[in-house]
């Protein structure tokens, strides 16, 4: 059996488990497996990242800057766009298939043991995400890495990633999402997310609404941790458009950094970069040592954030962005207006049924001249007819397409009628992944072909 087949077999076994949306506040089950494995997550330093939007981009920027220091890095994010190995990165690349298979062989006997303990106690077996977390932590230890940047799956305090003791806790902007699991208010959600702050650690946060600030401050006080907020202890001081991205100036915790090039679009990505710089300062020098200019320049220049304002087609221009909640949708609209010079946008929109479809549509649709309603390839997808109904309420032209290929073809044909038109595909991470694969298969960067 090839290494790829072995890795795919691991993924197939993970998929037999309760899925990522099946979440219980039971971090102790993941901790039990890790204890049996002699706590691999304690063999490297950890930067732990949570928030509602910007977690993945911020994590990727942190990892790139840390790697530019000459340190070996691990990066754990979710979900994936094309293949599950993207979730576990080592030194900036998806984990090798052989490493996945070997890590699984290492943990499998202990998974069986803990599953048996859970069954005896009348509890559900270990879940997809719990085991994926264990797999990542073992793979990082086996590599071995010096620093792991770990994105929370959901929430914070009881997320399976919270079995790692983060040296630095990072908070991207907090808003309403997963209300059925995390709470109906920003304060409740922030309280759960604040659970990643460890005793004596350093925490850094993006600008937060007042309702989110106090739970973070309370958690930091109770655990004797320091807490720095963007806008006070550090800040994005200047931001200008540049070819392929933007130029930034940042006042960090320990230094001031001017004329930094970030190859990502959108004002929100500039703020993510400022947060990432503060996180790396906290990690490398406890917030008192500036990052060397050449290291920071190199780290930012190597940043990518697939599925986040990613250019996947030209003639016509096609962008893809996950934008899977209202906060992310608002950031996308702002970025389209700030970073691109088009008169009309065609919006290919597909949303999961358990997301705030109305809120996402309210944010995105006013920026569109035509909406192509579709559905991600998932049982969780909202009916495109329902999406179309939401769009019609805003009196924007809409057509219904029952798969992405049809929607994308119609949108690209619509946009090809004028060089002042472009297309954005948004509403779901799964849809974004499908779009990236479809664009590559059809070579959208070679221009429109009828």
Foldseek 3Di string as FASTA:
>chain_A
DDLQVLLVVVVVVQVVFADLVDDDLCLVLLVQLCVVVVNLLAPAAEEEEEADPDRQQLLLLLQLLVVLVVFWEWEADDDDQADRQVRTDTSRHRDGSNLLNVLCVSRVVSQVVSQVVQVVVVHGGDHSQSVVLSSNSSSCSVVPGHYYYYYFSAQDQRTNNLSHQHLEYEYEEHDDDCCVPQHDGSLSSLLSNLNSHAAQHEYEYEDYDPSNVPSNVVSCVVRVYHYYYEPPQKYWDDWAADVQAIFTWIGELAHTAGGAGANDFFPSSSSSNNRSLNRNCCVPPVSHDHDDRVSSNSSRVPGDDAQCQDFLAVQPTEGGHALAALVSLLRVLRRCVRHDQADAEEEEEKAFQVYPLLSSCVSHLVRHQEYEFEYFPDPRIDQSVVSVVSNVVVVHHYDYDHHDVVSVLVRSVVQNVDNRYHYYYYRHSNSSSVVNVVSVVVVNHVHDDD
